[in-house]
Amino acid sequence: MPGPCSYDRPRRIRRGAALTLFLAGVLATGTVTGTWSDAAEGAAGRTAPDRTSSGAHTRESALADRAAVERAASEAVEDGKSGAQAAAEVVSRSGDRWSAIYTPGEYEDFQEQLGGGYVGVGLWVRPAAGGRITVSRVQPGSPAARAGIALGDRLRAVDGHRTRGVPVTEVVARLRGAATDGSRGAAAAGSPVTLDLQRGDRRWSETLHRTRLRSRNVVVDRPSGAHGPTRVKIGAFTKGTGDEVRRAVRRASAHDGMLLDLRGNTGGLVTEAVATASAFLDGGLVATYDVRGSQRALYAQRGGNTHLPLVVLVDGGTMSAAELLAGALQDRGRAVLVGSPTFGKGAVQMPSELPDGSVAELTVGHYRTPAGRTVDDSGLTPDLAAGDGAEKRARTVLSGLGGGS
């Protein structure tokens, strides 16, 4: 049966028409960083802004009440005020850290991001301890990469606006040159943006110029050469991810096997995560989820390659839809997971349109793996724990499964 998802729909969404698993909290900061996921400029998944002061994730049982959110938005609009702001205040008071409200401009930007194109500087950012904002990914060849900005750098300010304690969505909007109230989309290519950064004790500023970029959320290579395993790195699940993985599977050597790298994957479209699972499974259950107490299920399509040796790399940055995929492959006995425990984000959000055209993404339930496991808070535990040498150990495991070394 069809499951949660997708943003592949008209811009004006119908109430309850789509279901999404939010990425863990990072948005792409450059352009695709709208208000989603690993806040990244070209990230194709998205995560609700982290509303905790520490940036740490804890299990949340509180859910924002949809009726209260819609009522607050309607009353605000009738009074000539911002429906989105009123709705956001209700969500904030509810304690539901994964629900969020997006203005029409923010949501429109996100839909463009799902297509893989954006204007930005090529940064992904995420909340960190103490309300800080740190760089979680840098797009190769982007203005940020050419300036030497690196993973783990702290982003202190954007165009003079401090980032500490500021919602990731607002930070991303400034990186993109968009209005923080969502009324205006990203700035034009060529426009400047000044970033204040910190790495250890070093503090410095960089003025970058935004450019039109295309995110590569799926990268396929064979780092060991023609006789080594195929490596597929998925940064986020955007439109077409499943098809790209299927092509990689068809071209992979049955003798050498495949490494599926989901480290740092912030999630994205659930439909694409299921399509990716279908590349390795011959039908069957991928996950179950509940929507306000009603149980539903997601199934893989038949015809996937069930014989290709497969190892999946995961870490603490593996979130949401990426955890759904990894959990399905692990529970179904289709892959060995290598790395460190995943983030632990299994909340399901359902989008609906508010009276002023803004969009409420409210938590309606949680998903479970085929074996009935939940990932909230605890995440997934790899079959083989590995830290810095995870990929080397994954290759060793793959060779034991009959794949290359």
Protein backbone atom coordinates (compact mmCIF):
# COMPACT_ATOMS: atom_id res chain seq x y z
CA MET A 1 0.00 0.00 0.00
CA PRO A 2 1.21 3.51 -0.55
CA GLY A 3 3.00 5.00 2.39
CA PRO A 4 4.16 8.31 3.65
CA CYS A 5 5.34 10.72 1.34
CA SER A 6 6.07 12.60 -0.95
CA TYR A 7 6.46 16.12 -1.84
CA ASP A 8 5.95 15.29 -5.48
CA ARG A 9 2.66 17.06 -5.65
CA PRO A 10 1.13 20.42 -6.56
CA ARG A 11 2.46 23.34 -4.60
CA ARG A 12 -0.85 23.73 -2.82
CA ILE A 13 -1.05 20.55 -0.84
CA ARG A 14 -4.29 19.07 0.31
CA ARG A 15 -4.82 18.56 4.00
CA GLY A 16 -3.32 15.23 4.95
CA ALA A 17 -2.32 14.45 1.38
CA ALA A 18 1.27 13.58 2.09
CA LEU A 19 3.38 12.10 4.81
CA THR A 20 7.03 12.64 5.45
CA LEU A 21 9.77 11.56 7.81
CA PHE A 22 11.70 14.64 8.76
CA LEU A 23 15.41 14.58 8.64
CA ALA A 24 17.16 14.90 11.81
CA GLY A 25 17.76 18.54 12.14
CA VAL A 26 20.12 19.77 9.55
CA LEU A 27 19.47 22.08 6.69
CA ALA A 28 21.59 22.75 3.75
CA THR A 29 22.91 26.14 4.21
CA GLY A 30 23.51 27.61 0.93
CA THR A 31 20.43 27.26 -0.78
CA VAL A 32 18.84 24.10 -0.18
CA THR A 33 19.09 24.95 3.31
CA GLY A 34 15.71 26.17 3.68
CA THR A 35 14.41 24.73 6.81
CA TRP A 36 15.03 21.19 6.39
CA SER A 37 17.16 18.39 7.55
CA ASP A 38 20.83 18.80 7.89
CA ALA A 39 20.21 22.24 7.01
CA ALA A 40 21.86 22.21 3.78
CA GLU A 41 21.64 24.25 0.72
CA GLY A 42 21.10 21.41 -1.54
CA ALA A 43 20.03 18.82 0.83
CA ALA A 44 17.14 16.83 -0.23
CA GLY A 45 15.69 15.86 2.99
CA ARG A 46 14.80 17.98 5.80
CA THR A 47 14.54 18.04 9.47
CA ALA A 48 12.49 20.05 11.82
CA PRO A 49 14.44 22.77 13.52
CA ASP A 50 15.93 21.77 16.82
CA ARG A 51 13.98 23.58 19.48
CA THR A 52 16.07 22.49 22.45
CA SER A 53 18.68 24.75 23.90
CA SER A 54 21.31 22.06 24.05
CA GLY A 55 20.83 20.59 20.62
CA ALA A 56 20.71 17.13 22.17
CA HIS A 57 17.91 14.80 21.16
CA THR A 58 15.68 13.22 23.74
CA ARG A 59 12.59 11.09 23.46
CA GLU A 60 9.51 13.25 23.13
CA SER A 61 6.01 12.01 23.84
CA ALA A 62 4.35 15.41 23.42
CA LEU A 63 2.54 15.99 20.16
CA ALA A 64 1.32 19.31 18.83
CA ASP A 65 -2.46 19.38 18.59
CA ARG A 66 -3.46 19.90 14.95
CA ALA A 67 -6.82 21.45 15.81
CA ALA A 68 -5.18 23.95 18.18
CA VAL A 69 -2.56 24.85 15.58
CA GLU A 70 -5.17 25.40 12.86
CA ARG A 71 -7.41 27.36 15.22
CA ALA A 72 -4.56 29.68 16.26
CA ALA A 73 -3.61 30.29 12.64
CA SER A 74 -7.22 31.04 11.64
CA GLU A 75 -7.76 33.47 14.52
CA ALA A 76 -4.50 35.26 13.76
CA VAL A 77 -5.41 35.68 10.09
CA GLU A 78 -8.83 37.05 11.05
CA ASP A 79 -7.07 39.59 13.28
CA GLY A 80 -4.72 40.58 10.46
CA LYS A 81 -1.72 38.87 12.06
CA SER A 82 0.64 36.15 10.90
CA GLY A 83 -1.01 32.75 10.89
CA ALA A 84 2.36 31.05 10.60
CA GLN A 85 3.72 32.83 13.67
CA ALA A 86 0.65 32.02 15.75
CA ALA A 87 0.82 28.38 14.70
CA ALA A 88 4.53 28.21 15.47
CA GLU A 89 3.89 29.50 19.00
CA VAL A 90 1.38 26.70 19.62
CA VAL A 91 3.86 24.12 18.34
CA SER A 92 6.62 25.54 20.53
CA ARG A 93 4.45 25.39 23.66
CA SER A 94 3.46 21.79 22.91
CA GLY A 95 6.97 20.47 23.44
CA ASP A 96 6.85 18.57 20.14
CA ARG A 97 10.41 19.11 18.90
CA TRP A 98 9.83 17.62 15.45
CA SER A 99 6.73 19.53 14.37
CA ALA A 100 7.32 22.82 12.58
CA ILE A 101 5.58 25.58 10.65
CA TYR A 102 6.86 26.84 7.29
CA THR A 103 5.86 29.93 5.40
CA PRO A 104 4.80 29.60 1.75
CA GLY A 105 8.19 30.92 0.65
CA GLU A 106 10.10 28.40 2.76
CA TYR A 107 7.99 25.52 1.55
CA GLU A 108 8.34 26.56 -2.08
CA ASP A 109 12.10 26.68 -1.67
CA PHE A 110 12.07 23.20 -0.24
CA GLN A 111 10.20 21.82 -3.22
CA GLU A 112 12.84 23.30 -5.49
CA GLN A 113 15.51 21.66 -3.36
CA LEU A 114 13.87 18.29 -3.80
CA GLY A 115 14.59 18.67 -7.50
CA GLY A 116 18.29 18.98 -6.72
CA GLY A 117 18.91 22.60 -7.74
CA TYR A 118 19.49 25.64 -5.59
CA VAL A 119 21.34 28.93 -5.21
CA GLY A 120 23.73 29.03 -2.28
CA VAL A 121 27.29 28.60 -1.08
CA GLY A 122 27.31 24.82 -0.58
CA LEU A 123 27.02 24.40 3.19
CA TRP A 124 25.03 22.10 5.42
CA VAL A 125 24.61 23.12 9.05
CA ARG A 126 23.12 21.60 12.17
CA PRO A 127 22.38 22.61 15.76
CA ALA A 128 25.06 21.75 18.33
CA ALA A 129 25.37 21.91 22.09
CA GLY A 130 24.69 25.25 23.70
CA GLY A 131 22.61 26.52 20.78
CA ARG A 132 25.62 26.72 18.47
CA ILE A 133 25.45 26.09 14.74
CA THR A 134 28.12 23.93 13.12
CA VAL A 135 28.97 22.88 9.58
CA SER A 136 27.91 19.29 8.94
CA ARG A 137 28.81 19.02 5.26
CA VAL A 138 30.47 21.05 2.50
CA GLN A 139 29.59 20.49 -1.15
CA PRO A 140 32.71 19.78 -3.23
CA GLY A 141 33.51 22.52 -5.73
CA SER A 142 31.20 25.02 -4.05
CA PRO A 143 32.15 28.54 -2.89
CA ALA A 144 32.34 27.22 0.70
CA ALA A 145 34.68 24.39 -0.33
CA ARG A 146 36.94 26.75 -2.28
CA ALA A 147 37.17 28.99 0.81
CA GLY A 148 38.41 26.07 2.89
CA ILE A 149 35.38 25.81 5.18
CA ALA A 150 35.31 22.31 6.70
CA LEU A 151 33.12 19.85 8.54
CA GLY A 152 32.86 20.79 12.21
CA ASP A 153 33.58 24.50 11.74
CA ARG A 154 31.37 26.67 13.90
CA LEU A 155 29.21 29.23 12.08
CA ARG A 156 29.08 32.21 14.43
CA ALA A 157 27.27 34.77 12.28
CA VAL A 158 25.81 35.36 8.82
CA ASP A 159 26.04 38.93 7.47
CA GLY A 160 26.56 40.16 11.03
CA HIS A 161 23.59 38.29 12.48
CA ARG A 162 24.63 36.00 15.32
CA THR A 163 23.56 32.36 14.99
CA ARG A 164 23.77 31.10 18.57
CA GLY A 165 20.33 30.18 19.84
CA VAL A 166 18.77 31.01 16.49
CA PRO A 167 16.55 28.39 14.76
CA VAL A 168 18.39 26.55 12.02
CA THR A 169 15.71 27.57 9.55
CA GLU A 170 16.52 31.23 10.12
CA VAL A 171 20.26 30.62 9.77
CA VAL A 172 19.68 28.80 6.51
CA ALA A 173 17.43 31.57 5.23
CA ARG A 174 20.21 34.11 5.84
CA LEU A 175 22.75 31.88 4.12
CA ARG A 176 20.49 31.71 1.10
CA GLY A 177 19.68 35.41 1.20
CA ALA A 178 16.00 34.71 1.75
CA ALA A 179 13.74 36.72 4.03
CA THR A 180 13.69 35.15 7.48
CA ASP A 181 9.89 35.44 7.52
CA GLY A 182 9.71 33.35 4.36
CA SER A 183 8.19 36.13 2.27
CA ARG A 184 11.09 36.18 -0.20
CA GLY A 185 13.02 33.31 -1.75
CA ALA A 186 16.77 32.94 -2.15
CA ALA A 187 18.98 35.80 -3.33
CA ALA A 188 20.29 35.83 -6.89
CA ALA A 189 23.40 34.00 -7.97
CA GLY A 190 26.43 36.27 -7.54
CA SER A 191 25.11 37.98 -4.42
CA PRO A 192 27.60 38.16 -1.49
CA VAL A 193 27.26 36.72 2.00
CA THR A 194 29.74 37.16 4.84
CA LEU A 195 30.26 34.32 7.31
CA ASP A 196 31.94 34.54 10.71
CA LEU A 197 33.54 31.18 11.49
CA GLN A 198 35.52 29.44 14.20
CA ARG A 199 37.76 26.36 14.19
CA GLY A 200 39.29 25.65 17.56
CA ASP A 201 40.82 28.93 18.77
CA ARG A 202 40.92 30.44 15.30
CA ARG A 203 38.21 32.93 14.32
CA TRP A 204 37.88 34.44 10.88
CA SER A 205 35.45 35.87 8.32
CA GLU A 206 34.82 34.84 4.73
CA THR A 207 32.82 36.70 2.11
CA LEU A 208 31.43 34.23 -0.42
CA HIS A 209 29.32 34.75 -3.51
CA ARG A 210 26.27 32.59 -3.96
CA THR A 211 26.09 30.53 -7.11
CA ARG A 212 23.68 28.13 -8.75
CA LEU A 213 24.56 24.65 -7.57
CA ARG A 214 23.28 21.19 -8.15
CA SER A 215 23.33 18.84 -5.21
CA ARG A 216 24.74 15.38 -5.73
CA ASN A 217 22.91 13.34 -3.19
CA VAL A 218 23.99 10.04 -4.74
CA VAL A 219 27.66 9.43 -5.55
CA VAL A 220 28.73 6.11 -7.08
CA ASP A 221 32.36 5.07 -7.39
CA ARG A 222 34.78 2.15 -7.12
CA PRO A 223 37.66 3.51 -5.00
CA SER A 224 39.58 0.22 -5.18
CA GLY A 225 39.42 0.12 -8.97
CA ALA A 226 37.59 -2.03 -11.46
CA HIS A 227 37.95 -5.16 -9.33
CA GLY A 228 36.80 -3.65 -6.05
CA PRO A 229 33.33 -3.16 -4.56
CA THR A 230 30.95 -0.48 -5.76
CA ARG A 231 30.47 2.28 -3.20
CA VAL A 232 27.20 4.22 -3.18
CA LYS A 233 27.10 7.29 -0.94
CA ILE A 234 23.62 8.75 -0.34
CA GLY A 235 23.60 12.17 1.30
CA ALA A 236 19.80 12.52 1.40
CA PHE A 237 16.75 11.00 -0.24
CA THR A 238 15.53 13.34 -2.96
CA LYS A 239 13.55 12.77 -6.15
CA GLY A 240 15.23 10.10 -8.23
CA THR A 241 17.45 8.65 -5.51
CA GLY A 242 15.87 5.21 -5.79
CA ASP A 243 16.36 5.13 -9.56
CA GLU A 244 20.02 6.11 -9.22
CA VAL A 245 20.64 3.34 -6.70
CA ARG A 246 18.90 0.81 -8.93
CA ARG A 247 21.18 1.75 -11.81
CA ALA A 248 24.22 1.37 -9.56
CA VAL A 249 23.01 -2.06 -8.44
CA ARG A 250 22.54 -3.20 -12.04
CA ARG A 251 26.11 -2.16 -12.88
CA ALA A 252 27.69 -3.57 -9.73
CA SER A 253 29.72 -6.76 -9.84
CA ALA A 254 28.05 -9.67 -8.09
CA HIS A 255 31.51 -10.86 -7.12
CA ASP A 256 32.74 -7.58 -5.65
CA GLY A 257 29.57 -6.49 -3.86
CA MET A 258 28.45 -3.05 -2.68
CA LEU A 259 29.07 -0.63 0.18
CA LEU A 260 26.00 1.51 0.82
CA ASP A 261 27.20 4.56 2.74
CA LEU A 262 24.45 6.23 4.78
CA ARG A 263 26.76 8.08 7.17
CA GLY A 264 25.62 11.65 7.64
CA ASN A 265 22.41 10.99 5.70
CA THR A 266 19.79 13.28 7.19
CA GLY A 267 16.78 11.61 5.63
CA GLY A 268 14.41 12.98 3.02
CA LEU A 269 11.56 11.53 1.04
CA VAL A 270 10.27 8.28 2.48
CA THR A 271 9.12 7.13 -0.95
CA GLU A 272 12.71 7.34 -2.18
CA ALA A 273 14.02 5.44 0.85
CA VAL A 274 11.49 2.69 0.08
CA ALA A 275 12.47 2.76 -3.60
CA THR A 276 16.10 2.32 -2.53
CA ALA A 277 15.15 -0.64 -0.34
CA SER A 278 13.37 -2.12 -3.36
CA ALA A 279 16.69 -2.23 -5.22
CA PHE A 280 17.88 -4.87 -2.73
CA LEU A 281 14.67 -6.70 -1.80
CA ASP A 282 12.18 -8.84 -3.68
CA GLY A 283 9.11 -7.25 -2.18
CA GLY A 284 8.08 -7.54 1.44
CA LEU A 285 7.81 -5.22 4.42
CA VAL A 286 10.07 -2.18 4.75
CA ALA A 287 8.45 -0.49 7.74
CA THR A 288 5.21 0.05 9.59
CA TYR A 289 4.02 3.38 10.93
CA ASP A 290 1.07 4.78 12.79
CA VAL A 291 -0.93 7.86 11.99
CA ARG A 292 -2.91 8.91 15.04
CA GLY A 293 -3.19 5.28 16.14
CA SER A 294 -4.01 3.84 12.70
CA GLN A 295 -1.40 1.25 11.65
CA ARG A 296 -0.05 1.37 8.09
CA ALA A 297 2.79 -0.30 6.23
CA LEU A 298 5.38 0.35 3.53
CA TYR A 299 6.36 -2.42 1.14
CA ALA A 300 9.24 -2.86 -1.28
CA GLN A 301 8.56 -3.52 -4.93
CA ARG A 302 9.39 -6.95 -6.24
CA GLY A 303 12.37 -7.63 -8.47
CA GLY A 304 15.27 -6.24 -6.43
CA ASN A 305 18.72 -7.84 -6.41
CA THR A 306 18.74 -10.13 -3.37
CA HIS A 307 22.11 -11.75 -4.10
CA LEU A 308 24.54 -8.82 -4.33
CA PRO A 309 26.76 -8.84 -1.19
CA LEU A 310 25.85 -5.70 0.76
CA VAL A 311 27.28 -3.82 3.72
CA VAL A 312 25.69 -0.60 5.01
CA LEU A 313 27.76 2.09 6.74
CA VAL A 314 25.96 4.12 9.43
CA ASP A 315 26.86 6.63 12.14
CA GLY A 316 25.33 9.17 14.50
CA GLY A 317 24.41 11.36 11.53
CA THR A 318 22.26 8.62 9.95
CA MET A 319 18.73 9.81 10.56
CA SER A 320 15.05 9.41 9.84
CA ALA A 321 14.39 7.94 6.38
CA ALA A 322 18.00 6.68 6.30
CA GLU A 323 17.32 4.80 9.53
CA LEU A 324 14.14 3.40 8.01
CA LEU A 325 16.17 1.98 5.10
CA ALA A 326 19.04 0.68 7.23
CA GLY A 327 16.64 -0.92 9.72
CA ALA A 328 14.73 -2.68 6.95
CA LEU A 329 17.87 -4.11 5.36
CA GLN A 330 19.16 -5.21 8.77
CA ASP A 331 15.91 -6.81 9.95
CA ARG A 332 15.36 -8.56 6.62
CA GLY A 333 18.85 -10.08 6.82
CA ARG A 334 19.76 -8.38 3.59
CA ALA A 335 22.78 -6.38 4.78
CA VAL A 336 25.31 -6.12 7.56
CA LEU A 337 25.41 -2.73 9.32
CA VAL A 338 28.86 -1.40 10.21
CA GLY A 339 29.69 1.81 12.08
CA SER A 340 28.25 3.52 15.15
CA PRO A 341 24.69 3.85 16.53
CA THR A 342 22.39 6.00 14.42
CA PHE A 343 20.70 9.22 15.50
CA GLY A 344 17.29 7.89 16.56
CA LYS A 345 14.58 9.84 14.70
CA GLY A 346 11.47 7.84 13.90
CA ALA A 347 8.75 10.47 14.14
CA VAL A 348 6.34 10.82 11.23
CA GLN A 349 5.02 14.21 10.16
CA MET A 350 1.96 15.00 8.08
CA PRO A 351 1.81 18.33 6.21
CA SER A 352 -1.32 20.43 5.94
CA GLU A 353 -1.99 23.91 4.62
CA LEU A 354 -2.99 26.68 7.02
CA PRO A 355 -5.36 29.57 6.17
CA ASP A 356 -2.56 31.96 5.22
CA GLY A 357 -0.90 29.45 2.87
CA SER A 358 1.80 28.41 5.33
CA VAL A 359 2.38 24.71 5.95
CA ALA A 360 2.16 22.86 9.25
CA GLU A 361 4.30 19.71 9.48
CA LEU A 362 2.95 18.05 12.61
CA THR A 363 3.98 14.77 14.20
CA VAL A 364 1.26 12.13 13.84
CA GLY A 365 3.07 8.96 14.87
CA HIS A 366 6.22 6.85 14.66
CA TYR A 367 7.56 4.13 12.42
CA ARG A 368 8.92 0.69 13.25
CA THR A 369 11.30 -1.60 11.42
CA PRO A 370 10.05 -4.92 9.98
CA ALA A 371 10.97 -6.64 13.26
CA GLY A 372 8.90 -4.13 15.23
CA ARG A 373 11.79 -2.05 16.57
CA THR A 374 11.44 1.68 17.16
CA VAL A 375 14.42 3.95 16.54
CA ASP A 376 13.35 6.96 18.58
CA ASP A 377 16.04 8.00 21.03
CA SER A 378 18.07 4.77 20.81
CA GLY A 379 18.60 4.61 17.06
CA LEU A 380 19.90 1.47 15.34
CA THR A 381 22.78 -0.57 16.70
CA PRO A 382 25.20 -1.74 13.99
CA ASP A 383 26.02 -5.42 13.64
CA LEU A 384 29.68 -4.46 13.87
CA ALA A 385 30.78 -1.39 15.84
CA ALA A 386 33.48 0.68 14.16
CA GLY A 387 34.71 4.25 14.44
CA ASP A 388 37.32 5.97 12.30
CA GLY A 389 38.17 2.77 10.45
CA ALA A 390 34.56 1.92 9.66
CA GLU A 391 34.94 1.74 5.91
CA LYS A 392 38.02 -0.49 6.12
CA ARG A 393 36.17 -2.84 8.45
CA ALA A 394 33.14 -2.75 6.15
CA ARG A 395 35.33 -3.91 3.26
CA THR A 396 36.60 -6.78 5.37
CA VAL A 397 33.03 -7.80 6.20
CA LEU A 398 32.05 -7.49 2.55
CA SER A 399 34.87 -9.79 1.49
CA GLY A 400 33.54 -12.35 3.97
CA LEU A 401 30.13 -12.12 2.34
CA GLY A 402 31.67 -12.96 -1.01
CA GLY A 403 32.29 -9.38 -2.14
CA GLY A 404 35.57 -7.71 -3.05
CA SER A 405 38.14 -6.31 -0.67
